[in-house]
N, C-alpha and C. Protein backbone atom coordinates (compact mmCIF):
# COMPACT_ATOMS: atom_id res chain seq x y z
N MET A 1 2.14 -4.99 19.52
CA MET A 1 1.83 -3.68 18.97
C MET A 1 2.58 -3.51 17.65
N THR A 2 1.96 -2.81 16.73
CA THR A 2 2.56 -2.58 15.42
C THR A 2 3.13 -1.17 15.36
N HIS A 3 4.31 -1.05 14.79
CA HIS A 3 4.98 0.23 14.61
C HIS A 3 5.11 0.49 13.12
N VAL A 4 4.81 1.71 12.69
CA VAL A 4 4.88 2.07 11.28
C VAL A 4 5.93 3.15 11.09
N ARG A 5 6.78 2.97 10.07
CA ARG A 5 7.79 3.97 9.73
C ARG A 5 8.01 3.94 8.22
N LEU A 6 8.72 4.94 7.72
CA LEU A 6 9.05 4.97 6.30
C LEU A 6 9.91 3.76 5.94
N MET A 7 9.69 3.23 4.75
CA MET A 7 10.45 2.09 4.26
C MET A 7 11.90 2.51 4.00
N GLU A 8 12.82 1.60 4.31
CA GLU A 8 14.24 1.82 4.08
C GLU A 8 14.79 0.67 3.24
N GLU A 9 15.94 0.89 2.67
CA GLU A 9 16.55 -0.13 1.82
C GLU A 9 16.75 -1.45 2.57
N CYS A 10 17.06 -1.39 3.85
CA CYS A 10 17.28 -2.60 4.64
C CYS A 10 16.02 -3.45 4.79
N ASP A 11 14.86 -2.90 4.45
CA ASP A 11 13.59 -3.61 4.55
C ASP A 11 13.27 -4.44 3.31
N LEU A 12 14.01 -4.24 2.23
CA LEU A 12 13.58 -4.74 0.93
C LEU A 12 13.48 -6.26 0.82
N HIS A 13 14.31 -7.00 1.51
CA HIS A 13 14.19 -8.47 1.42
C HIS A 13 12.86 -8.94 1.99
N ARG A 14 12.44 -8.37 3.10
CA ARG A 14 11.12 -8.72 3.67
C ARG A 14 9.99 -8.17 2.80
N VAL A 15 10.16 -6.97 2.29
CA VAL A 15 9.16 -6.37 1.42
C VAL A 15 8.96 -7.26 0.19
N LYS A 16 10.05 -7.78 -0.35
CA LYS A 16 9.95 -8.68 -1.50
C LYS A 16 9.11 -9.91 -1.16
N GLU A 17 9.36 -10.51 0.00
CA GLU A 17 8.59 -11.68 0.43
C GLU A 17 7.11 -11.34 0.58
N LEU A 18 6.83 -10.18 1.15
CA LEU A 18 5.44 -9.76 1.34
C LEU A 18 4.75 -9.48 0.01
N THR A 19 5.49 -8.90 -0.92
CA THR A 19 4.93 -8.58 -2.23
C THR A 19 4.53 -9.86 -2.96
N LEU A 20 5.25 -10.93 -2.73
CA LEU A 20 4.88 -12.22 -3.31
C LEU A 20 3.52 -12.67 -2.81
N GLN A 21 3.16 -12.31 -1.56
CA GLN A 21 1.85 -12.67 -1.03
C GLN A 21 0.72 -11.94 -1.75
N LEU A 22 1.06 -10.83 -2.42
CA LEU A 22 0.08 -10.12 -3.24
C LEU A 22 0.00 -10.72 -4.65
N GLY A 23 0.96 -11.58 -4.96
CA GLY A 23 0.98 -12.19 -6.29
C GLY A 23 1.91 -11.49 -7.26
N TYR A 24 2.78 -10.63 -6.76
CA TYR A 24 3.70 -9.89 -7.62
C TYR A 24 5.14 -10.28 -7.27
N GLU A 25 5.93 -10.48 -8.29
CA GLU A 25 7.33 -10.85 -8.09
C GLU A 25 8.22 -9.85 -8.79
N ALA A 26 9.27 -9.42 -8.11
CA ALA A 26 10.25 -8.50 -8.70
C ALA A 26 11.60 -8.78 -8.07
N PRO A 27 12.66 -8.70 -8.86
CA PRO A 27 14.01 -8.86 -8.30
C PRO A 27 14.30 -7.75 -7.29
N ILE A 28 15.12 -8.05 -6.33
CA ILE A 28 15.45 -7.09 -5.27
C ILE A 28 16.04 -5.82 -5.87
N GLU A 29 16.82 -5.94 -6.94
CA GLU A 29 17.42 -4.77 -7.57
C GLU A 29 16.33 -3.84 -8.13
N GLU A 30 15.28 -4.43 -8.67
CA GLU A 30 14.18 -3.63 -9.20
C GLU A 30 13.42 -2.94 -8.07
N LEU A 31 13.19 -3.65 -6.97
CA LEU A 31 12.53 -3.03 -5.82
C LEU A 31 13.38 -1.90 -5.26
N ARG A 32 14.70 -2.09 -5.23
CA ARG A 32 15.60 -1.05 -4.74
C ARG A 32 15.50 0.20 -5.62
N ALA A 33 15.48 0.00 -6.93
CA ALA A 33 15.37 1.13 -7.86
C ALA A 33 14.02 1.84 -7.69
N ARG A 34 12.96 1.07 -7.50
CA ARG A 34 11.63 1.68 -7.29
C ARG A 34 11.61 2.49 -6.00
N LEU A 35 12.17 1.91 -4.93
CA LEU A 35 12.20 2.62 -3.65
C LEU A 35 12.97 3.93 -3.78
N THR A 36 14.12 3.88 -4.43
CA THR A 36 14.94 5.08 -4.61
C THR A 36 14.16 6.15 -5.39
N LYS A 37 13.53 5.75 -6.49
CA LYS A 37 12.80 6.70 -7.33
C LYS A 37 11.58 7.27 -6.60
N LEU A 38 10.77 6.39 -6.01
CA LEU A 38 9.55 6.86 -5.36
C LEU A 38 9.84 7.68 -4.11
N SER A 39 10.90 7.34 -3.38
CA SER A 39 11.25 8.08 -2.16
C SER A 39 11.67 9.51 -2.48
N ALA A 40 12.13 9.74 -3.69
CA ALA A 40 12.55 11.08 -4.10
C ALA A 40 11.38 11.94 -4.56
N MET A 41 10.22 11.34 -4.73
CA MET A 41 9.04 12.06 -5.20
C MET A 41 8.22 12.54 -4.01
N PRO A 42 7.88 13.83 -3.97
CA PRO A 42 7.13 14.34 -2.81
C PRO A 42 5.69 13.86 -2.74
N ASP A 43 5.17 13.27 -3.83
CA ASP A 43 3.78 12.83 -3.84
C ASP A 43 3.64 11.32 -3.68
N HIS A 44 4.71 10.66 -3.22
CA HIS A 44 4.69 9.22 -2.93
C HIS A 44 5.38 8.99 -1.59
N ASP A 45 4.86 8.05 -0.81
CA ASP A 45 5.57 7.59 0.39
C ASP A 45 5.32 6.11 0.57
N LEU A 46 6.35 5.41 1.01
CA LEU A 46 6.31 3.98 1.27
C LEU A 46 6.60 3.76 2.75
N TYR A 47 5.79 2.92 3.38
CA TYR A 47 5.91 2.64 4.81
C TYR A 47 6.01 1.14 5.05
N VAL A 48 6.59 0.78 6.17
CA VAL A 48 6.55 -0.61 6.63
C VAL A 48 5.91 -0.65 8.01
N ALA A 49 5.26 -1.76 8.28
CA ALA A 49 4.74 -2.06 9.62
C ALA A 49 5.69 -3.09 10.22
N ARG A 50 6.03 -2.89 11.50
CA ARG A 50 6.94 -3.81 12.18
C ARG A 50 6.30 -4.29 13.48
N ASP A 51 6.61 -5.52 13.85
CA ASP A 51 6.13 -6.02 15.13
C ASP A 51 7.06 -5.54 16.24
N ASP A 52 6.79 -5.94 17.46
CA ASP A 52 7.60 -5.48 18.60
C ASP A 52 9.05 -5.89 18.51
N ALA A 53 9.33 -6.98 17.79
CA ALA A 53 10.71 -7.44 17.62
C ALA A 53 11.42 -6.71 16.48
N GLY A 54 10.70 -5.85 15.77
CA GLY A 54 11.30 -5.09 14.68
C GLY A 54 11.19 -5.76 13.32
N ARG A 55 10.52 -6.91 13.25
CA ARG A 55 10.37 -7.64 11.99
C ARG A 55 9.33 -6.96 11.11
N VAL A 56 9.66 -6.74 9.85
CA VAL A 56 8.72 -6.13 8.91
C VAL A 56 7.61 -7.13 8.61
N ILE A 57 6.37 -6.70 8.86
CA ILE A 57 5.22 -7.59 8.69
C ILE A 57 4.20 -7.05 7.70
N GLY A 58 4.48 -5.88 7.15
CA GLY A 58 3.57 -5.32 6.16
C GLY A 58 4.17 -4.08 5.53
N TRP A 59 3.56 -3.66 4.43
CA TRP A 59 3.98 -2.41 3.81
C TRP A 59 2.80 -1.69 3.19
N LEU A 60 3.01 -0.40 2.93
CA LEU A 60 1.97 0.50 2.42
C LEU A 60 2.62 1.47 1.44
N HIS A 61 1.94 1.73 0.32
CA HIS A 61 2.38 2.76 -0.64
C HIS A 61 1.24 3.75 -0.82
N MET A 62 1.50 5.01 -0.49
CA MET A 62 0.53 6.09 -0.69
C MET A 62 1.05 7.02 -1.76
N MET A 63 0.11 7.54 -2.56
CA MET A 63 0.50 8.46 -3.62
C MET A 63 -0.62 9.43 -3.94
N GLU A 64 -0.23 10.56 -4.50
CA GLU A 64 -1.21 11.47 -5.07
C GLU A 64 -1.50 10.99 -6.47
N LEU A 65 -2.77 10.98 -6.82
CA LEU A 65 -3.17 10.59 -8.17
C LEU A 65 -3.68 11.83 -8.88
N HIS A 66 -3.05 12.15 -10.00
CA HIS A 66 -3.43 13.30 -10.80
C HIS A 66 -3.94 12.82 -12.15
N ALA A 67 -5.15 13.20 -12.48
CA ALA A 67 -5.74 12.84 -13.76
C ALA A 67 -6.51 14.06 -14.26
N PHE A 68 -6.65 14.17 -15.56
CA PHE A 68 -7.32 15.31 -16.15
C PHE A 68 -8.80 15.37 -15.78
N GLU A 69 -9.46 14.21 -15.78
CA GLU A 69 -10.92 14.19 -15.66
C GLU A 69 -11.44 14.28 -14.24
N VAL A 70 -10.59 14.13 -13.25
CA VAL A 70 -11.03 14.20 -11.85
C VAL A 70 -10.04 15.04 -11.05
N ALA A 71 -10.52 15.54 -9.93
CA ALA A 71 -9.64 16.30 -9.03
C ALA A 71 -8.56 15.39 -8.46
N PRO A 72 -7.41 15.96 -8.11
CA PRO A 72 -6.36 15.15 -7.48
C PRO A 72 -6.91 14.43 -6.25
N MET A 73 -6.38 13.24 -5.99
CA MET A 73 -6.85 12.45 -4.85
C MET A 73 -5.70 11.65 -4.24
N ALA A 74 -5.90 11.25 -3.00
CA ALA A 74 -4.96 10.33 -2.35
C ALA A 74 -5.31 8.92 -2.77
N GLN A 75 -4.31 8.17 -3.17
CA GLN A 75 -4.56 6.79 -3.54
C GLN A 75 -3.66 5.87 -2.75
N LEU A 76 -4.29 4.88 -2.15
CA LEU A 76 -3.56 3.80 -1.51
C LEU A 76 -3.19 2.86 -2.66
N ALA A 77 -1.94 2.93 -3.09
CA ALA A 77 -1.50 2.21 -4.28
C ALA A 77 -1.17 0.75 -3.99
N GLY A 78 -0.81 0.44 -2.76
CA GLY A 78 -0.50 -0.93 -2.40
C GLY A 78 -0.44 -1.10 -0.90
N ILE A 79 -0.89 -2.26 -0.44
CA ILE A 79 -0.84 -2.58 0.99
C ILE A 79 -0.85 -4.09 1.13
N VAL A 80 -0.06 -4.58 2.04
CA VAL A 80 -0.05 -6.01 2.34
C VAL A 80 0.40 -6.22 3.78
N VAL A 81 -0.19 -7.21 4.43
CA VAL A 81 0.23 -7.65 5.76
C VAL A 81 0.51 -9.14 5.66
N GLU A 82 1.60 -9.57 6.26
CA GLU A 82 1.96 -10.98 6.25
C GLU A 82 0.78 -11.82 6.74
N ALA A 83 0.56 -12.93 6.07
CA ALA A 83 -0.61 -13.78 6.36
C ALA A 83 -0.74 -14.09 7.85
N GLY A 84 0.32 -14.42 8.51
CA GLY A 84 0.26 -14.78 9.92
C GLY A 84 -0.01 -13.62 10.86
N TYR A 85 0.05 -12.40 10.36
CA TYR A 85 -0.18 -11.21 11.19
C TYR A 85 -1.50 -10.52 10.88
N ARG A 86 -2.26 -11.10 9.98
CA ARG A 86 -3.56 -10.50 9.67
C ARG A 86 -4.48 -10.68 10.87
N ARG A 87 -5.35 -9.72 11.08
CA ARG A 87 -6.28 -9.68 12.21
C ARG A 87 -5.57 -9.45 13.55
N THR A 88 -4.38 -8.81 13.49
CA THR A 88 -3.65 -8.48 14.72
C THR A 88 -3.54 -6.97 14.93
N GLY A 89 -4.10 -6.18 14.01
CA GLY A 89 -4.01 -4.73 14.11
C GLY A 89 -2.98 -4.12 13.18
N ALA A 90 -2.18 -4.93 12.51
CA ALA A 90 -1.15 -4.39 11.62
C ALA A 90 -1.76 -3.66 10.44
N GLY A 91 -2.79 -4.22 9.83
CA GLY A 91 -3.45 -3.57 8.71
C GLY A 91 -4.11 -2.27 9.13
N THR A 92 -4.72 -2.28 10.30
CA THR A 92 -5.35 -1.07 10.82
C THR A 92 -4.29 0.01 11.07
N ALA A 93 -3.13 -0.38 11.58
CA ALA A 93 -2.05 0.59 11.79
C ALA A 93 -1.60 1.19 10.47
N LEU A 94 -1.51 0.37 9.43
CA LEU A 94 -1.13 0.89 8.12
C LEU A 94 -2.21 1.82 7.56
N LEU A 95 -3.48 1.46 7.72
CA LEU A 95 -4.56 2.34 7.24
C LEU A 95 -4.60 3.65 8.03
N THR A 96 -4.29 3.60 9.30
CA THR A 96 -4.21 4.82 10.09
C THR A 96 -3.12 5.73 9.53
N GLN A 97 -1.99 5.13 9.15
CA GLN A 97 -0.92 5.91 8.53
C GLN A 97 -1.38 6.47 7.18
N ALA A 98 -2.12 5.68 6.41
CA ALA A 98 -2.64 6.14 5.13
C ALA A 98 -3.54 7.35 5.31
N GLU A 99 -4.41 7.31 6.30
CA GLU A 99 -5.32 8.43 6.56
C GLU A 99 -4.54 9.67 6.99
N ALA A 100 -3.54 9.50 7.82
CA ALA A 100 -2.72 10.63 8.25
C ALA A 100 -1.98 11.23 7.05
N TRP A 101 -1.45 10.38 6.19
CA TRP A 101 -0.76 10.84 4.99
C TRP A 101 -1.71 11.66 4.12
N ALA A 102 -2.91 11.15 3.89
CA ALA A 102 -3.88 11.84 3.05
C ALA A 102 -4.22 13.21 3.65
N ARG A 103 -4.48 13.26 4.94
CA ARG A 103 -4.80 14.53 5.58
C ARG A 103 -3.62 15.50 5.48
N ASP A 104 -2.40 15.00 5.73
CA ASP A 104 -1.21 15.85 5.66
C ASP A 104 -1.00 16.43 4.27
N HIS A 105 -1.49 15.73 3.25
CA HIS A 105 -1.36 16.19 1.87
C HIS A 105 -2.60 16.95 1.38
N GLY A 106 -3.52 17.22 2.29
CA GLY A 106 -4.67 18.06 1.97
C GLY A 106 -5.85 17.34 1.34
N PHE A 107 -5.92 16.02 1.48
CA PHE A 107 -7.01 15.26 0.88
C PHE A 107 -8.04 14.86 1.94
N THR A 108 -9.27 14.73 1.50
CA THR A 108 -10.34 14.30 2.40
C THR A 108 -10.88 12.93 2.02
N THR A 109 -10.33 12.34 0.96
CA THR A 109 -10.78 11.03 0.48
C THR A 109 -9.56 10.20 0.09
N ILE A 110 -9.65 8.91 0.36
CA ILE A 110 -8.63 7.95 -0.10
C ILE A 110 -9.32 6.96 -1.03
N THR A 111 -8.69 6.68 -2.15
CA THR A 111 -9.19 5.65 -3.05
C THR A 111 -8.19 4.49 -3.05
N LEU A 112 -8.70 3.32 -3.41
CA LEU A 112 -7.83 2.17 -3.60
C LEU A 112 -8.50 1.21 -4.56
N ARG A 113 -7.70 0.36 -5.16
CA ARG A 113 -8.21 -0.71 -6.02
C ARG A 113 -7.83 -2.03 -5.37
N SER A 114 -8.71 -2.99 -5.47
CA SER A 114 -8.45 -4.31 -4.92
C SER A 114 -8.99 -5.36 -5.88
N ARG A 115 -8.18 -6.32 -6.18
CA ARG A 115 -8.53 -7.35 -7.16
C ARG A 115 -9.77 -8.13 -6.74
N MET A 116 -10.59 -8.47 -7.72
CA MET A 116 -11.74 -9.33 -7.47
C MET A 116 -11.25 -10.64 -6.86
N GLY A 117 -12.04 -11.19 -5.97
CA GLY A 117 -11.67 -12.45 -5.34
C GLY A 117 -10.93 -12.29 -4.03
N ARG A 118 -10.47 -11.08 -3.72
CA ARG A 118 -9.80 -10.86 -2.43
C ARG A 118 -10.86 -10.47 -1.40
N ASP A 119 -11.73 -11.42 -1.15
CA ASP A 119 -12.90 -11.16 -0.30
C ASP A 119 -12.52 -10.74 1.11
N ASP A 120 -11.48 -11.35 1.69
CA ASP A 120 -11.05 -10.96 3.04
C ASP A 120 -10.57 -9.51 3.05
N ALA A 121 -9.82 -9.12 2.03
CA ALA A 121 -9.33 -7.74 1.95
C ALA A 121 -10.51 -6.79 1.80
N HIS A 122 -11.47 -7.15 0.96
CA HIS A 122 -12.63 -6.29 0.76
C HIS A 122 -13.41 -6.11 2.06
N ALA A 123 -13.57 -7.17 2.81
CA ALA A 123 -14.26 -7.08 4.10
C ALA A 123 -13.48 -6.19 5.07
N PHE A 124 -12.17 -6.32 5.05
CA PHE A 124 -11.30 -5.49 5.89
C PHE A 124 -11.51 -4.02 5.57
N TYR A 125 -11.50 -3.66 4.29
CA TYR A 125 -11.67 -2.26 3.89
C TYR A 125 -13.05 -1.74 4.29
N ARG A 126 -14.07 -2.55 4.03
CA ARG A 126 -15.44 -2.12 4.37
C ARG A 126 -15.59 -1.90 5.87
N ALA A 127 -14.98 -2.76 6.67
CA ALA A 127 -15.08 -2.64 8.12
C ALA A 127 -14.39 -1.37 8.63
N ARG A 128 -13.54 -0.78 7.80
CA ARG A 128 -12.83 0.42 8.19
C ARG A 128 -13.33 1.66 7.44
N GLY A 129 -14.54 1.57 6.90
CA GLY A 129 -15.21 2.73 6.35
C GLY A 129 -15.09 2.93 4.85
N PHE A 130 -14.37 2.06 4.16
CA PHE A 130 -14.29 2.18 2.70
C PHE A 130 -15.56 1.61 2.09
N LYS A 131 -15.99 2.22 0.98
CA LYS A 131 -17.18 1.75 0.28
C LYS A 131 -16.81 1.43 -1.15
N GLY A 132 -17.36 0.34 -1.65
CA GLY A 132 -17.17 0.00 -3.06
C GLY A 132 -17.94 0.99 -3.91
N GLU A 133 -17.25 1.75 -4.73
CA GLU A 133 -17.89 2.79 -5.53
C GLU A 133 -18.23 2.33 -6.94
N LYS A 134 -17.38 1.50 -7.52
CA LYS A 134 -17.64 1.04 -8.88
C LYS A 134 -16.80 -0.20 -9.16
N THR A 135 -17.21 -0.90 -10.19
CA THR A 135 -16.46 -2.07 -10.66
C THR A 135 -15.97 -1.73 -12.05
N SER A 136 -14.74 -2.10 -12.36
CA SER A 136 -14.19 -1.83 -13.67
C SER A 136 -13.34 -3.00 -14.13
N VAL A 137 -12.94 -2.95 -15.36
CA VAL A 137 -12.05 -3.95 -15.93
C VAL A 137 -10.70 -3.29 -16.15
N TYR A 138 -9.66 -3.92 -15.71
CA TYR A 138 -8.30 -3.41 -15.83
C TYR A 138 -7.68 -3.99 -17.10
N PHE A 139 -7.34 -3.13 -18.03
CA PHE A 139 -6.72 -3.57 -19.28
C PHE A 139 -5.23 -3.30 -19.24
N GLN A 140 -4.48 -4.13 -19.94
CA GLN A 140 -3.04 -3.98 -20.00
C GLN A 140 -2.56 -4.48 -21.35
N LYS A 141 -1.56 -3.83 -21.91
CA LYS A 141 -0.96 -4.28 -23.15
C LYS A 141 0.55 -4.22 -22.99
N HIS A 142 1.23 -5.33 -23.22
CA HIS A 142 2.68 -5.37 -23.14
C HIS A 142 3.24 -4.94 -24.49
N LEU A 143 4.16 -4.00 -24.45
CA LEU A 143 4.76 -3.47 -25.66
C LEU A 143 6.08 -4.17 -25.95
N ASP A 144 6.34 -4.39 -27.21
CA ASP A 144 7.60 -5.03 -27.63
C ASP A 144 8.78 -4.09 -27.42
């Protein structure tokens, strides 16, 4: 069985390993600073999924998204489950937490972005009621 709770500083070494499975790398000090900053914001929450032994096997980041051109919405900003725990219910437990978070914050819709090529993730989301609404190109510019 999977247990979900708010992320704590003691989780960060496992969270770092899991984040690498998404293709993102950050020093533990940077993750600690992000956790501290985001945890202080009322419109962001970070969660971990744990197995029965208490080992962190996934994480979830929920946030309110505010933009001028659209109404505020709940956004699933990040989610990952350890490769060996996929298809065990851990991802579903995290999505259940995401839905509860969205409802608790007064939202009726959750949005998320998922990189092209993550076909297994896309199938997972579709099987849980998410629909692909549009395709876009993500632009980025690094500043000196």
